[in-house]
Every structure is written in structure tokens, then in C-alpha cells.
């Protein structure tokens, strides 16, 4: 179940994958080969705790377009050791590590106490500012507190901005404007292809193409027609197709724009 080889002319960037996940342990190299065959030239591989962040950093291979992000996900915030910031700082200095993430707030599952989530989010935002790295922000049913933390960090920096991506953006069109005003991009993924994706479609239609990047969040959130199966970077083609359809554009135009947006955000063109 690999996207058509005809898509390989488009150069795509999957800006959010979890290749350190156990679901890829048996066939990771084959997964990467399928991604390249589908035109996915670049992948940002995000950690969610210290172990997965270290694995993502070790996997990074900029020459092959494979980059890493390191961070503590809100689900894992309560298990972060006292020295987690120092360990993330060390990982973030490794070659091919280009972002802090996946970080943020999750009030849907509340696997970690909310005050702990907020503290680690603020600390990791500050670390990203110190290191000059963008962030991959997880926000589930925590829009107000996520926006407040980002505004506080933008003010602390004195720039009014926080570079990065609102991963798998699920908020309203109105709140999207607030995040874009802080300098963040919006990540769209598999949910854009779902039949009930009215709000995601509205946002994808309304915001400038220069504000969007595409992602899989693999192994989660597989797009149609793979919904319910393991997601993988090759399937980001389906997200690009859906975005092209929503905006009335050619796939090549969407691929070119979203890849350029991702490269610019991550500082890969410097």
C-alpha cells in the first residue's frame, strides 16, 4: 500500500513523524525507502521522551533528508527526570537536530498533571529560545493555555514571535490567526482527509499557503484510504493531495510551497 510512483516528481516534507516508535522496529529501512519512492525527500523525526529523543537524534542523517526533533511530550511530563533539560540541551546540539519537540499540553488524556505539563512546556520553550530552535507544539483541548504559554515566551524573548509548528492543528480559524501572529506555522495531516474534517478543512482553506506544512504523525492518524492502519511518511502524499483539493491547486504547487515553508522554518536554507 504505497502511494503511486507518479507522485515522486513532487518533493514533499513530512514535518512530523515518530520513527523511533516500536511499530517501525521491524521495517524502518523499508519505510524510509517507500517514503523516498513517494517523493518524500525530507522527514522531521520527533521524540516524545528522552529515550525516543536520543534515538531520533542518533537516526538523523541530513544528507538523506532525515532530521530530528527532541523533547518531552505532555503525556510523559510527569516522568521527566530532574536533569531532563540538560539532557535535551545535549541532544539538541547533535548534528541533524533542528527543533524541540514534541512539546506542549494535552488536556484530553491528562496523563500528566496539568501544572506539570505547563511547567515543562514553559521550560522547553525557553530552552528552544536559548538554542535558537523552532518548536513542534502539541495542543489538544488546551488552546487557551497553549496560546498563553506561547505569548509569554514571545514576550520573554522580546521578539513577539516563537518559531515553529502547531502540530496537527485542530483549533478554530479565529485562533489560527493568533498562532500565526506569533510566527508559528500550522501542521495539517491525516485528519484533513477524514469525512468529518469540517473545521480542519475550513482552516486549510482560509489561512495563507505560506503558513502551512504537511505531516503524518506516523504511526498515528493514517489518512484515507489507509485510516485504521499504521501510518508512515509515504502517506503524506495523501495529505498533500487533500490540501491541493481544498485549495484548488496542483499537487506540485502544494508540495513546493509546504516544503519551502518547512525548510525556512527549520533554518535549512541558511
Protein backbone atom coordinates (compact mmCIF):
# COMPACT_ATOMS: atom_id res chain seq x y z
CA UNK A 1 0.00 0.00 0.00
CA UNK A 2 2.38 2.65 -1.26
CA UNK A 3 1.23 5.87 -2.94
CA UNK A 4 1.53 5.87 -6.70
CA UNK A 5 5.06 6.19 -8.05
CA UNK A 6 3.77 9.01 -10.25
CA UNK A 7 3.79 11.28 -7.23
CA UNK A 8 7.57 11.04 -6.96
CA UNK A 9 8.05 14.18 -9.09
CA UNK A 10 6.75 16.24 -6.14
CA UNK A 11 9.29 16.95 -3.38
CA UNK A 12 7.49 16.53 -0.06
CA UNK A 13 8.46 17.21 3.58
CA UNK A 14 6.83 15.16 6.34
CA UNK A 15 7.30 17.60 9.21
CA UNK A 16 6.17 15.26 11.99
CA UNK A 17 6.99 11.56 12.19
CA UNK A 18 7.79 9.23 15.10
CA UNK A 19 10.18 6.75 13.52
CA UNK A 20 11.57 5.72 16.91
CA UNK A 21 8.20 4.14 17.69
CA UNK A 22 8.23 0.38 18.23
CA UNK A 23 5.81 -0.02 15.30
CA UNK A 24 8.74 0.68 12.96
CA UNK A 25 11.30 -1.54 14.65
CA UNK A 26 10.98 -4.40 12.16
CA UNK A 27 10.96 -2.49 8.86
CA UNK A 28 12.23 1.07 9.37
CA UNK A 29 14.57 0.97 6.39
CA UNK A 30 11.79 -0.27 4.12
CA UNK A 31 9.55 2.52 5.42
CA UNK A 32 12.21 5.08 4.52
CA UNK A 33 12.64 3.55 1.06
CA UNK A 34 8.90 3.79 0.44
CA UNK A 35 8.94 7.40 1.55
CA UNK A 36 11.70 8.29 -0.90
CA UNK A 37 9.90 6.43 -3.70
CA UNK A 38 6.77 8.50 -2.97
CA UNK A 39 8.69 11.78 -3.25
CA UNK A 40 9.16 12.41 0.47
CA UNK A 41 12.62 13.95 0.34
CA UNK A 42 12.62 15.28 3.89
CA UNK A 43 11.35 13.91 7.22
CA UNK A 44 11.41 15.52 10.66
CA UNK A 45 11.55 12.68 13.18
CA UNK A 46 10.25 13.80 16.59
CA UNK A 47 10.97 12.34 20.00
CA UNK A 48 8.45 12.28 22.85
CA UNK A 49 10.67 11.41 25.83
CA UNK A 50 14.39 11.24 26.50
CA UNK A 51 14.84 7.72 25.11
CA UNK A 52 12.98 8.37 21.87
CA UNK A 53 14.66 11.77 21.52
CA UNK A 54 18.09 10.14 21.83
CA UNK A 55 17.05 7.55 19.23
CA UNK A 56 15.76 10.24 16.87
CA UNK A 57 18.99 12.19 17.24
CA UNK A 58 21.02 9.05 16.50
CA UNK A 59 18.93 8.34 13.39
CA UNK A 60 19.38 11.85 11.98
CA UNK A 61 21.02 11.84 8.55
CA UNK A 62 20.81 15.30 6.95
CA UNK A 63 22.46 14.01 3.77
CA UNK A 64 19.43 11.74 3.32
CA UNK A 65 16.95 14.42 4.37
CA UNK A 66 16.26 12.84 7.77
CA UNK A 67 16.23 15.37 10.62
CA UNK A 68 15.37 15.10 14.32
CA UNK A 69 13.45 16.99 16.98
CA UNK A 70 13.93 16.28 20.68
CA UNK A 71 11.56 16.97 23.55
CA UNK A 72 9.22 15.76 26.27
CA UNK A 73 5.60 15.21 25.22
CA UNK A 74 2.93 16.30 27.75
CA UNK A 75 1.92 12.66 28.23
CA UNK A 76 5.46 11.99 29.53
CA UNK A 77 5.92 15.20 31.51
CA UNK A 78 5.37 13.56 34.90
CA UNK A 79 8.12 11.02 34.20
CA UNK A 80 10.77 13.52 33.14
CA UNK A 81 13.86 13.29 35.39
CA UNK A 82 15.18 16.32 37.23
CA UNK A 83 18.01 16.76 34.73
CA UNK A 84 15.84 16.45 31.62
CA UNK A 85 16.63 19.98 30.38
CA UNK A 86 20.38 19.39 30.46
CA UNK A 87 19.95 16.12 28.63
CA UNK A 88 17.73 17.72 26.00
CA UNK A 89 20.26 20.53 25.61
CA UNK A 90 22.99 17.99 24.90
CA UNK A 91 20.81 16.11 22.40
CA UNK A 92 19.78 19.34 20.67
CA UNK A 93 23.42 20.08 19.84
CA UNK A 94 23.88 16.89 17.84
CA UNK A 95 24.13 17.05 14.04
CA UNK A 96 20.77 16.94 12.33
CA UNK A 97 18.72 18.00 15.36
CA UNK A 98 16.81 21.03 14.13
CA UNK A 99 13.86 21.53 16.53
CA UNK A 100 12.50 21.00 20.05
CA UNK A 101 9.51 18.71 20.04
CA UNK A 102 7.13 17.21 20.52
CA UNK A 103 6.21 19.51 23.41
CA UNK A 104 3.01 21.15 24.59
CA UNK A 105 -0.21 20.49 26.51
CA UNK A 106 -2.79 17.69 26.39
CA UNK A 107 -5.93 18.18 28.47
CA UNK A 108 -7.82 15.37 26.72
CA UNK A 109 -6.00 12.46 28.37
CA UNK A 110 -4.31 14.29 31.28
CA UNK A 111 -1.69 11.54 31.54
CA UNK A 112 0.44 14.10 33.42
CA UNK A 113 -0.87 16.69 35.91
CA UNK A 114 -1.71 19.93 34.15
CA UNK A 115 0.59 22.05 36.29
CA UNK A 116 3.48 19.70 35.43
CA UNK A 117 2.58 19.89 31.75
CA UNK A 118 2.55 23.69 31.85
CA UNK A 119 5.88 23.85 33.69
CA UNK A 120 7.69 21.56 31.25
CA UNK A 121 6.15 23.32 28.27
CA UNK A 122 7.38 26.69 29.50
CA UNK A 123 10.84 25.32 30.32
CA UNK A 124 11.21 23.68 26.91
CA UNK A 125 10.01 26.82 25.12
CA UNK A 126 12.70 28.75 26.99
CA UNK A 127 15.31 26.13 26.03
CA UNK A 128 14.30 26.44 22.38
CA UNK A 129 14.76 30.19 22.64
CA UNK A 130 18.18 29.72 24.21
CA UNK A 131 19.27 27.37 21.44
CA UNK A 132 17.61 29.28 18.60
CA UNK A 133 15.49 26.28 17.59
CA UNK A 134 11.86 26.13 16.43
CA UNK A 135 9.30 24.06 18.33
CA UNK A 136 6.76 21.36 17.44
CA UNK A 137 3.75 22.16 19.62
CA UNK A 138 1.16 19.59 20.71
CA UNK A 139 -2.15 21.20 21.74
CA UNK A 140 -5.15 19.01 22.50
CA UNK A 141 -8.12 20.63 24.23
CA UNK A 142 -5.72 23.17 25.76
CA UNK A 143 -5.90 26.01 23.26
CA UNK A 144 -6.14 28.88 25.77
CA UNK A 145 -3.26 27.71 27.97
CA UNK A 146 -1.12 26.81 24.93
CA UNK A 147 -1.62 30.26 23.46
CA UNK A 148 -0.91 31.90 26.83
CA UNK A 149 2.38 30.00 27.22
CA UNK A 150 3.47 30.88 23.70
CA UNK A 151 2.62 34.55 24.20
CA UNK A 152 4.54 34.60 27.46
CA UNK A 153 7.57 33.06 25.75
CA UNK A 154 7.33 35.53 22.84
CA UNK A 155 7.25 38.37 25.34
CA UNK A 156 10.15 36.91 27.33
CA UNK A 157 12.23 36.76 24.16
CA UNK A 158 11.40 40.35 23.32
CA UNK A 159 10.69 39.38 19.72
CA UNK A 160 6.95 38.86 19.83
CA UNK A 161 7.41 35.56 18.00
CA UNK A 162 8.06 31.87 18.61
CA UNK A 163 9.12 29.96 15.52
CA UNK A 164 7.70 26.50 14.99
CA UNK A 165 4.63 24.46 14.08
CA UNK A 166 1.26 23.94 15.71
CA UNK A 167 1.32 20.18 15.16
CA UNK A 168 -1.89 18.60 13.84
CA UNK A 169 -3.71 21.89 14.30
CA UNK A 170 -7.27 21.32 15.48
CA UNK A 171 -8.38 24.77 16.60
CA UNK A 172 -10.64 27.33 15.01
CA UNK A 173 -9.95 29.71 12.15
CA UNK A 174 -10.02 32.60 14.64
CA UNK A 175 -7.44 31.03 16.96
CA UNK A 176 -5.30 30.10 13.96
CA UNK A 177 -4.81 33.83 13.40
CA UNK A 178 -3.45 34.16 16.96
CA UNK A 179 -0.89 31.41 16.43
CA UNK A 180 0.11 32.76 13.02
CA UNK A 181 0.56 36.18 14.61
CA UNK A 182 3.19 34.65 16.89
CA UNK A 183 5.14 33.40 13.86
CA UNK A 184 4.02 29.77 14.03
CA UNK A 185 3.01 27.59 11.09
CA UNK A 186 0.07 25.18 11.14
CA UNK A 187 0.63 21.47 10.55
CA UNK A 188 -2.05 19.56 8.65
CA UNK A 189 -2.12 15.78 8.49
CA UNK A 190 -4.34 12.77 8.08
CA UNK A 191 -7.46 14.38 9.63
CA UNK A 192 -7.69 16.65 6.57
CA UNK A 193 -8.69 13.54 4.60
CA UNK A 194 -11.38 12.40 7.06
CA UNK A 195 -15.06 12.69 6.11
CA UNK A 196 -15.89 14.70 9.27
CA UNK A 197 -12.97 17.14 8.97
CA UNK A 198 -15.07 20.32 8.59
CA UNK A 199 -13.04 22.53 10.96
CA UNK A 200 -9.68 21.34 9.63
CA UNK A 201 -10.85 21.96 6.06
CA UNK A 202 -12.05 25.46 6.96
CA UNK A 203 -8.65 26.34 8.38
CA UNK A 204 -6.79 24.79 5.43
CA UNK A 205 -8.92 26.86 3.06
CA UNK A 206 -8.65 30.12 4.97
CA UNK A 207 -5.03 30.59 6.01
CA UNK A 208 -2.27 31.57 3.58
CA UNK A 209 -0.48 28.66 1.93
CA UNK A 210 2.75 30.20 3.27
CA UNK A 211 1.50 29.31 6.78
CA UNK A 212 1.01 25.58 6.21
CA UNK A 213 3.16 22.48 6.42
CA UNK A 214 2.14 18.84 5.96
CA UNK A 215 2.79 15.92 8.29
CA UNK A 216 1.83 12.34 9.08
CA UNK A 217 2.29 11.99 12.87
CA UNK A 218 3.09 8.38 11.98
CA UNK A 219 2.45 5.73 13.14
CA UNK A 220 -0.77 7.54 14.16
CA UNK A 221 -3.54 9.29 12.18
CA UNK A 222 -3.19 7.49 8.86
CA UNK A 223 -5.01 9.37 6.10
CA UNK A 224 -7.72 7.92 3.91
CA UNK A 225 -7.61 5.36 2.35
CA UNK A 226 -5.26 3.92 4.99
CA UNK A 227 -7.26 5.02 8.03
CA UNK A 228 -7.05 2.48 10.84
CA UNK A 229 -3.72 1.11 9.62
CA UNK A 230 -0.17 2.06 10.62
CA UNK A 231 0.70 5.45 9.19
CA UNK A 232 4.09 6.10 7.56
CA UNK A 233 5.87 9.03 5.86
CA UNK A 234 4.99 7.88 2.32
CA UNK A 235 1.35 8.61 3.10
CA UNK A 236 1.99 12.33 3.46
CA UNK A 237 1.31 12.36 -0.30
CA UNK A 238 -2.37 11.81 0.54
CA UNK A 239 -2.32 14.84 2.84
CA UNK A 240 -0.76 16.96 0.09
CA UNK A 241 -3.42 15.75 -2.34
CA UNK A 242 -6.19 16.65 0.09
CA UNK A 243 -4.70 20.10 0.68
CA UNK A 244 -4.39 20.65 -3.06
CA UNK A 245 -8.04 19.69 -3.47
CA UNK A 246 -9.21 22.00 -0.70
CA UNK A 247 -7.33 24.96 -2.17
CA UNK A 248 -7.93 24.20 -5.84
CA UNK A 249 -4.22 23.89 -6.59
CA UNK A 250 -1.98 21.38 -8.32
CA UNK A 251 -0.21 18.83 -6.13
CA UNK A 252 3.15 20.15 -7.34
CA UNK A 253 2.29 23.66 -6.16
CA UNK A 254 1.29 22.46 -2.71
CA UNK A 255 4.40 20.27 -2.45
CA UNK A 256 6.70 23.11 -3.46
CA UNK A 257 5.13 25.62 -1.06
CA UNK A 258 4.86 23.39 2.01
CA UNK A 259 8.39 22.04 1.57
CA UNK A 260 9.74 25.58 1.24
CA UNK A 261 7.77 26.64 4.34
CA UNK A 262 9.23 23.76 6.37
CA UNK A 263 12.79 24.34 5.21
CA UNK A 264 12.54 28.04 6.02
CA UNK A 265 11.03 27.41 9.47
CA UNK A 266 13.76 24.90 10.32
CA UNK A 267 16.57 27.12 9.02
CA UNK A 268 17.65 24.57 6.44
CA UNK A 269 18.17 27.23 3.76
CA UNK A 270 20.71 29.19 5.76
